[in-house]
Amino acid sequence: MPPSKEDNVFLSVIEQHKGIIYKIANSYCKNAEDRKDLIQEIVYQLWRSFGRYNDQYKYSTWLYRIALNVAISFYRKDSKRTGSTSGLTADIIIATEEKEDTGPQLGLLQHFISELPELDKAIMILYLEENSYREIADILGLTETNIATKINRIKNKLKRKFSTIHH
């Protein structure tokens, strides 16, 4: 049986935005097998909700929202099971084409972000991906004002952590 039009649209959306899925999976899972499981679960949940997609939002907004919710649930289950936390890697946080020397600062930033609560971590992933406050609010179901306040507080918390290391 050939794929339906809806199947083709879904596959096209996944192909166009697969980077989002991989970034989120890599941000929430250190273990390769867990990442594969998380990616599979994200795609499954995207497929389940595809019929309810609201076209007032961009596909990327819809995809981020579902992927982050699945990842946070997965992370919580995994953390309870293994008692471990996951770190963030450079290719996840800083999506840059250049091979510039980022030095120890980037490693510290990644470490500090990995220690944040799940929601704050999600906010920083979206912020560092250069999403607007409006897009972040839409993805996470919060107000734009709340996002702006949270980003400001997270930045201040990160600055304080950096300053304690450099003094």
C-alpha atoms as a PDB file:
ATOM      1  CA  MET A   1       0.000   0.000   0.000  1.00  0.00           C
ATOM      2  CA  PRO A   2       1.552   3.360  -0.997  1.00  0.00           C
ATOM      3  CA  PRO A   3       2.002   6.050   1.654  1.00  0.00           C
ATOM      4  CA  SER A   4      -0.889   8.484   2.058  1.00  0.00           C
ATOM      5  CA  LYS A   5      -0.543  12.218   1.483  1.00  0.00           C
ATOM      6  CA  GLU A   6      -0.520  12.704   5.271  1.00  0.00           C
ATOM      7  CA  ASP A   7       2.277  10.120   5.592  1.00  0.00           C
ATOM      8  CA  ASN A   8       4.338  11.960   2.988  1.00  0.00           C
ATOM      9  CA  VAL A   9       3.805  15.330   4.688  1.00  0.00           C
ATOM     10  CA  PHE A  10       4.780  13.837   8.050  1.00  0.00           C
ATOM     11  CA  LEU A  11       7.925  12.228   6.633  1.00  0.00           C
ATOM     12  CA  SER A  12       8.849  15.507   4.939  1.00  0.00           C
ATOM     13  CA  VAL A  13       8.417  17.468   8.203  1.00  0.00           C
ATOM     14  CA  ILE A  14      10.558  14.940  10.096  1.00  0.00           C
ATOM     15  CA  GLU A  15      13.255  15.062   7.420  1.00  0.00           C
ATOM     16  CA  GLN A  16      13.303  18.889   7.375  1.00  0.00           C
ATOM     17  CA  HIS A  17      13.482  19.170  11.167  1.00  0.00           C
ATOM     18  CA  LYS A  18      15.394  16.038  12.188  1.00  0.00           C
ATOM     19  CA  GLY A  19      18.183  18.245  13.575  1.00  0.00           C
ATOM     20  CA  ILE A  20      15.822  19.392  16.325  1.00  0.00           C
ATOM     21  CA  ILE A  21      15.076  15.799  17.304  1.00  0.00           C
ATOM     22  CA  TYR A  22      18.767  14.884  17.422  1.00  0.00           C
ATOM     23  CA  LYS A  23      19.729  18.005  19.412  1.00  0.00           C
ATOM     24  CA  ILE A  24      17.106  17.314  22.024  1.00  0.00           C
ATOM     25  CA  ALA A  25      17.927  13.602  22.232  1.00  0.00           C
ATOM     26  CA  ASN A  26      21.632  14.384  22.605  1.00  0.00           C
ATOM     27  CA  SER A  27      20.881  16.996  25.250  1.00  0.00           C
ATOM     28  CA  TYR A  28      18.876  14.638  27.423  1.00  0.00           C
ATOM     29  CA  CYS A  29      20.646  11.289  26.872  1.00  0.00           C
ATOM     30  CA  LYS A  30      24.330  10.557  27.276  1.00  0.00           C
ATOM     31  CA  ASN A  31      24.028   6.869  26.394  1.00  0.00           C
ATOM     32  CA  ALA A  32      23.763   6.010  22.668  1.00  0.00           C
ATOM     33  CA  GLU A  33      21.149   3.283  23.183  1.00  0.00           C
ATOM     34  CA  ASP A  34      18.990   5.602  25.296  1.00  0.00           C
ATOM     35  CA  ARG A  35      19.306   8.277  22.591  1.00  0.00           C
ATOM     36  CA  LYS A  36      18.026   5.830  19.971  1.00  0.00           C
ATOM     37  CA  ASP A  37      15.101   4.928  22.224  1.00  0.00           C
ATOM     38  CA  LEU A  38      14.333   8.590  22.868  1.00  0.00           C
ATOM     39  CA  ILE A  39      14.472   9.469  19.164  1.00  0.00           C
ATOM     40  CA  GLN A  40      12.121   6.592  18.412  1.00  0.00           C
ATOM     41  CA  GLU A  41       9.729   7.714  21.170  1.00  0.00           C
ATOM     42  CA  ILE A  42       9.803  11.335  19.954  1.00  0.00           C
ATOM     43  CA  VAL A  43       9.006  10.306  16.369  1.00  0.00           C
ATOM     44  CA  TYR A  44       6.251   7.999  17.609  1.00  0.00           C
ATOM     45  CA  GLN A  45       4.678  10.793  19.694  1.00  0.00           C
ATOM     46  CA  LEU A  46       5.000  13.226  16.778  1.00  0.00           C
ATOM     47  CA  TRP A  47       3.177  10.732  14.548  1.00  0.00           C
ATOM     48  CA  ARG A  48       0.449  10.214  17.164  1.00  0.00           C
ATOM     49  CA  SER A  49      -0.181  13.953  17.426  1.00  0.00           C
ATOM     50  CA  PHE A  50       0.312  14.849  13.757  1.00  0.00           C
ATOM     51  CA  GLY A  51      -3.435  14.751  13.065  1.00  0.00           C
ATOM     52  CA  ARG A  52      -3.911  17.397  15.763  1.00  0.00           C
ATOM     53  CA  TYR A  53      -1.195  19.733  14.429  1.00  0.00           C
ATOM     54  CA  ASN A  54      -2.369  23.350  14.649  1.00  0.00           C
ATOM     55  CA  ASP A  55      -1.166  25.229  11.575  1.00  0.00           C
ATOM     56  CA  GLN A  56      -1.127  28.545  13.441  1.00  0.00           C
ATOM     57  CA  TYR A  57       2.296  27.367  14.661  1.00  0.00           C
ATOM     58  CA  LYS A  58       5.372  26.593  12.617  1.00  0.00           C
ATOM     59  CA  TYR A  59       6.218  22.919  12.306  1.00  0.00           C
ATOM     60  CA  SER A  60       9.447  23.586  14.226  1.00  0.00           C
ATOM     61  CA  THR A  61       7.499  25.054  17.169  1.00  0.00           C
ATOM     62  CA  TRP A  62       5.150  22.047  17.256  1.00  0.00           C
ATOM     63  CA  LEU A  63       8.072  19.648  16.945  1.00  0.00           C
ATOM     64  CA  TYR A  64      10.126  21.320  19.700  1.00  0.00           C
ATOM     65  CA  ARG A  65       7.146  21.283  22.047  1.00  0.00           C
ATOM     66  CA  ILE A  66       6.454  17.582  21.650  1.00  0.00           C
ATOM     67  CA  ALA A  67      10.119  16.554  21.522  1.00  0.00           C
ATOM     68  CA  LEU A  68      10.989  18.485  24.694  1.00  0.00           C
ATOM     69  CA  ASN A  69       7.982  17.108  26.578  1.00  0.00           C
ATOM     70  CA  VAL A  70       8.900  13.555  25.573  1.00  0.00           C
ATOM     71  CA  ALA A  71      12.580  14.138  26.403  1.00  0.00           C
ATOM     72  CA  ILE A  72      11.845  15.608  29.821  1.00  0.00           C
ATOM     73  CA  SER A  73       9.575  12.656  30.691  1.00  0.00           C
ATOM     74  CA  PHE A  74      12.187  10.230  29.368  1.00  0.00           C
ATOM     75  CA  TYR A  75      14.962  12.022  31.293  1.00  0.00           C
ATOM     76  CA  ARG A  76      12.997  11.852  34.535  1.00  0.00           C
ATOM     77  CA  LYS A  77      12.360   8.125  34.104  1.00  0.00           C
ATOM     78  CA  ASP A  78      16.000   7.525  33.150  1.00  0.00           C
ATOM     79  CA  SER A  79      17.342   9.593  36.064  1.00  0.00           C
ATOM     80  CA  LYS A  80      15.194   7.642  38.513  1.00  0.00           C
ATOM     81  CA  ARG A  81      16.291   4.347  36.965  1.00  0.00           C
ATOM     82  CA  THR A  82      20.017   5.067  36.727  1.00  0.00           C
ATOM     83  CA  GLY A  83      20.457   7.828  39.301  1.00  0.00           C
ATOM     84  CA  SER A  84      22.551   9.754  36.784  1.00  0.00           C
ATOM     85  CA  THR A  85      22.341  13.042  34.974  1.00  0.00           C
ATOM     86  CA  SER A  86      23.206  13.750  31.379  1.00  0.00           C
ATOM     87  CA  GLY A  87      25.688  16.298  30.136  1.00  0.00           C
ATOM     88  CA  LEU A  88      25.342  18.511  27.122  1.00  0.00           C
ATOM     89  CA  THR A  89      27.838  18.349  24.310  1.00  0.00           C
ATOM     90  CA  ALA A  90      29.317  21.162  22.250  1.00  0.00           C
ATOM     91  CA  ASP A  91      27.597  20.149  19.037  1.00  0.00           C
ATOM     92  CA  ILE A  92      24.239  20.349  20.791  1.00  0.00           C
ATOM     93  CA  ILE A  93      24.545  23.704  22.522  1.00  0.00           C
ATOM     94  CA  ILE A  94      26.562  25.610  19.952  1.00  0.00           C
ATOM     95  CA  ALA A  95      25.469  24.808  16.426  1.00  0.00           C
ATOM     96  CA  THR A  96      28.342  26.428  14.647  1.00  0.00           C
ATOM     97  CA  GLU A  97      29.945  25.586  11.349  1.00  0.00           C
ATOM     98  CA  GLU A  98      33.326  27.070  12.249  1.00  0.00           C
ATOM     99  CA  LYS A  99      35.930  24.967  13.990  1.00  0.00           C
ATOM    100  CA  GLU A 100      37.053  27.783  16.261  1.00  0.00           C
ATOM    101  CA  ASP A 101      38.838  27.124  19.521  1.00  0.00           C
ATOM    102  CA  THR A 102      36.137  27.435  22.126  1.00  0.00           C
ATOM    103  CA  GLY A 103      38.386  26.669  25.068  1.00  0.00           C
ATOM    104  CA  PRO A 104      37.398  25.692  28.580  1.00  0.00           C
ATOM    105  CA  GLN A 105      34.623  28.311  28.780  1.00  0.00           C
ATOM    106  CA  LEU A 106      32.347  26.256  26.514  1.00  0.00           C
ATOM    107  CA  GLY A 107      32.914  23.125  28.572  1.00  0.00           C
ATOM    108  CA  LEU A 108      32.010  25.017  31.724  1.00  0.00           C
ATOM    109  CA  LEU A 109      28.896  26.469  30.116  1.00  0.00           C
ATOM    110  CA  GLN A 110      27.793  23.015  29.021  1.00  0.00           C
ATOM    111  CA  HIS A 111      28.429  21.641  32.491  1.00  0.00           C
ATOM    112  CA  PHE A 112      26.502  24.459  34.176  1.00  0.00           C
ATOM    113  CA  ILE A 113      23.566  24.082  31.771  1.00  0.00           C
ATOM    114  CA  SER A 114      23.480  20.321  32.316  1.00  0.00           C
ATOM    115  CA  GLU A 115      22.978  21.002  36.044  1.00  0.00           C
ATOM    116  CA  LEU A 116      19.899  23.170  35.474  1.00  0.00           C
ATOM    117  CA  PRO A 117      16.380  21.883  36.173  1.00  0.00           C
ATOM    118  CA  GLU A 118      14.681  20.349  33.109  1.00  0.00           C
ATOM    119  CA  LEU A 119      12.595  23.417  32.214  1.00  0.00           C
ATOM    120  CA  ASP A 120      15.540  25.812  32.547  1.00  0.00           C
ATOM    121  CA  LYS A 121      17.681  23.442  30.465  1.00  0.00           C
ATOM    122  CA  ALA A 122      14.980  23.367  27.755  1.00  0.00           C
ATOM    123  CA  ILE A 123      14.771  27.173  27.811  1.00  0.00           C
ATOM    124  CA  MET A 124      18.541  27.515  27.392  1.00  0.00           C
ATOM    125  CA  ILE A 125      18.643  24.970  24.544  1.00  0.00           C
ATOM    126  CA  LEU A 126      15.968  26.958  22.719  1.00  0.00           C
ATOM    127  CA  TYR A 127      17.614  30.292  23.563  1.00  0.00           C
ATOM    128  CA  LEU A 128      21.025  29.154  22.335  1.00  0.00           C
ATOM    129  CA  GLU A 129      19.354  27.897  19.161  1.00  0.00           C
ATOM    130  CA  GLU A 130      18.383  31.557  18.635  1.00  0.00           C
ATOM    131  CA  ASN A 131      14.643  31.074  18.994  1.00  0.00           C
ATOM    132  CA  SER A 132      12.765  34.257  19.863  1.00  0.00           C
ATOM    133  CA  TYR A 133      11.146  34.667  23.277  1.00  0.00           C
ATOM    134  CA  ARG A 134       7.768  34.332  21.518  1.00  0.00           C
ATOM    135  CA  GLU A 135       8.816  31.023  19.906  1.00  0.00           C
ATOM    136  CA  ILE A 136      10.197  29.698  23.200  1.00  0.00           C
ATOM    137  CA  ALA A 137       6.959  30.698  24.948  1.00  0.00           C
ATOM    138  CA  ASP A 138       4.871  28.940  22.290  1.00  0.00           C
ATOM    139  CA  ILE A 139       6.990  25.798  22.456  1.00  0.00           C
ATOM    140  CA  LEU A 140       6.943  25.549  26.249  1.00  0.00           C
ATOM    141  CA  GLY A 141       3.430  26.851  26.820  1.00  0.00           C
ATOM    142  CA  LEU A 142       4.544  29.808  28.925  1.00  0.00           C
ATOM    143  CA  THR A 143       4.130  33.547  28.515  1.00  0.00           C
ATOM    144  CA  GLU A 144       6.725  35.618  26.720  1.00  0.00           C
ATOM    145  CA  THR A 145       7.228  37.672  29.909  1.00  0.00           C
ATOM    146  CA  ASN A 146       7.812  34.510  31.920  1.00  0.00           C
ATOM    147  CA  ILE A 147      10.409  33.328  29.370  1.00  0.00           C
ATOM    148  CA  ALA A 148      12.204  36.702  29.438  1.00  0.00           C
ATOM    149  CA  THR A 149      12.307  36.624  33.243  1.00  0.00           C
ATOM    150  CA  LYS A 150      13.513  33.020  33.350  1.00  0.00           C
ATOM    151  CA  ILE A 151      16.238  33.649  30.743  1.00  0.00           C
ATOM    152  CA  ASN A 152      17.450  36.673  32.685  1.00  0.00           C
ATOM    153  CA  ARG A 153      17.561  34.672  35.932  1.00  0.00           C
ATOM    154  CA  ILE A 154      19.313  31.723  34.265  1.00  0.00           C
ATOM    155  CA  LYS A 155      21.901  34.044  32.691  1.00  0.00           C
ATOM    156  CA  ASN A 156      22.548  35.664  36.082  1.00  0.00           C
ATOM    157  CA  LYS A 157      22.882  32.233  37.698  1.00  0.00           C
ATOM    158  CA  LEU A 158      25.365  31.163  35.000  1.00  0.00           C
ATOM    159  CA  LYS A 159      27.335  34.425  35.384  1.00  0.00           C
ATOM    160  CA  ARG A 160      27.574  33.838  39.140  1.00  0.00           C
ATOM    161  CA  LYS A 161      28.856  30.296  38.561  1.00  0.00           C
ATOM    162  CA  PHE A 162      31.486  31.591  36.120  1.00  0.00           C
ATOM    163  CA  SER A 163      32.530  34.355  38.506  1.00  0.00           C
ATOM    164  CA  THR A 164      33.064  31.909  41.398  1.00  0.00           C
ATOM    165  CA  ILE A 165      35.434  29.899  39.223  1.00  0.00           C
ATOM    166  CA  HIS A 166      37.434  32.915  38.076  1.00  0.00           C
ATOM    167  CA  HIS A 167      37.905  34.419  41.551  1.00  0.00           C
END
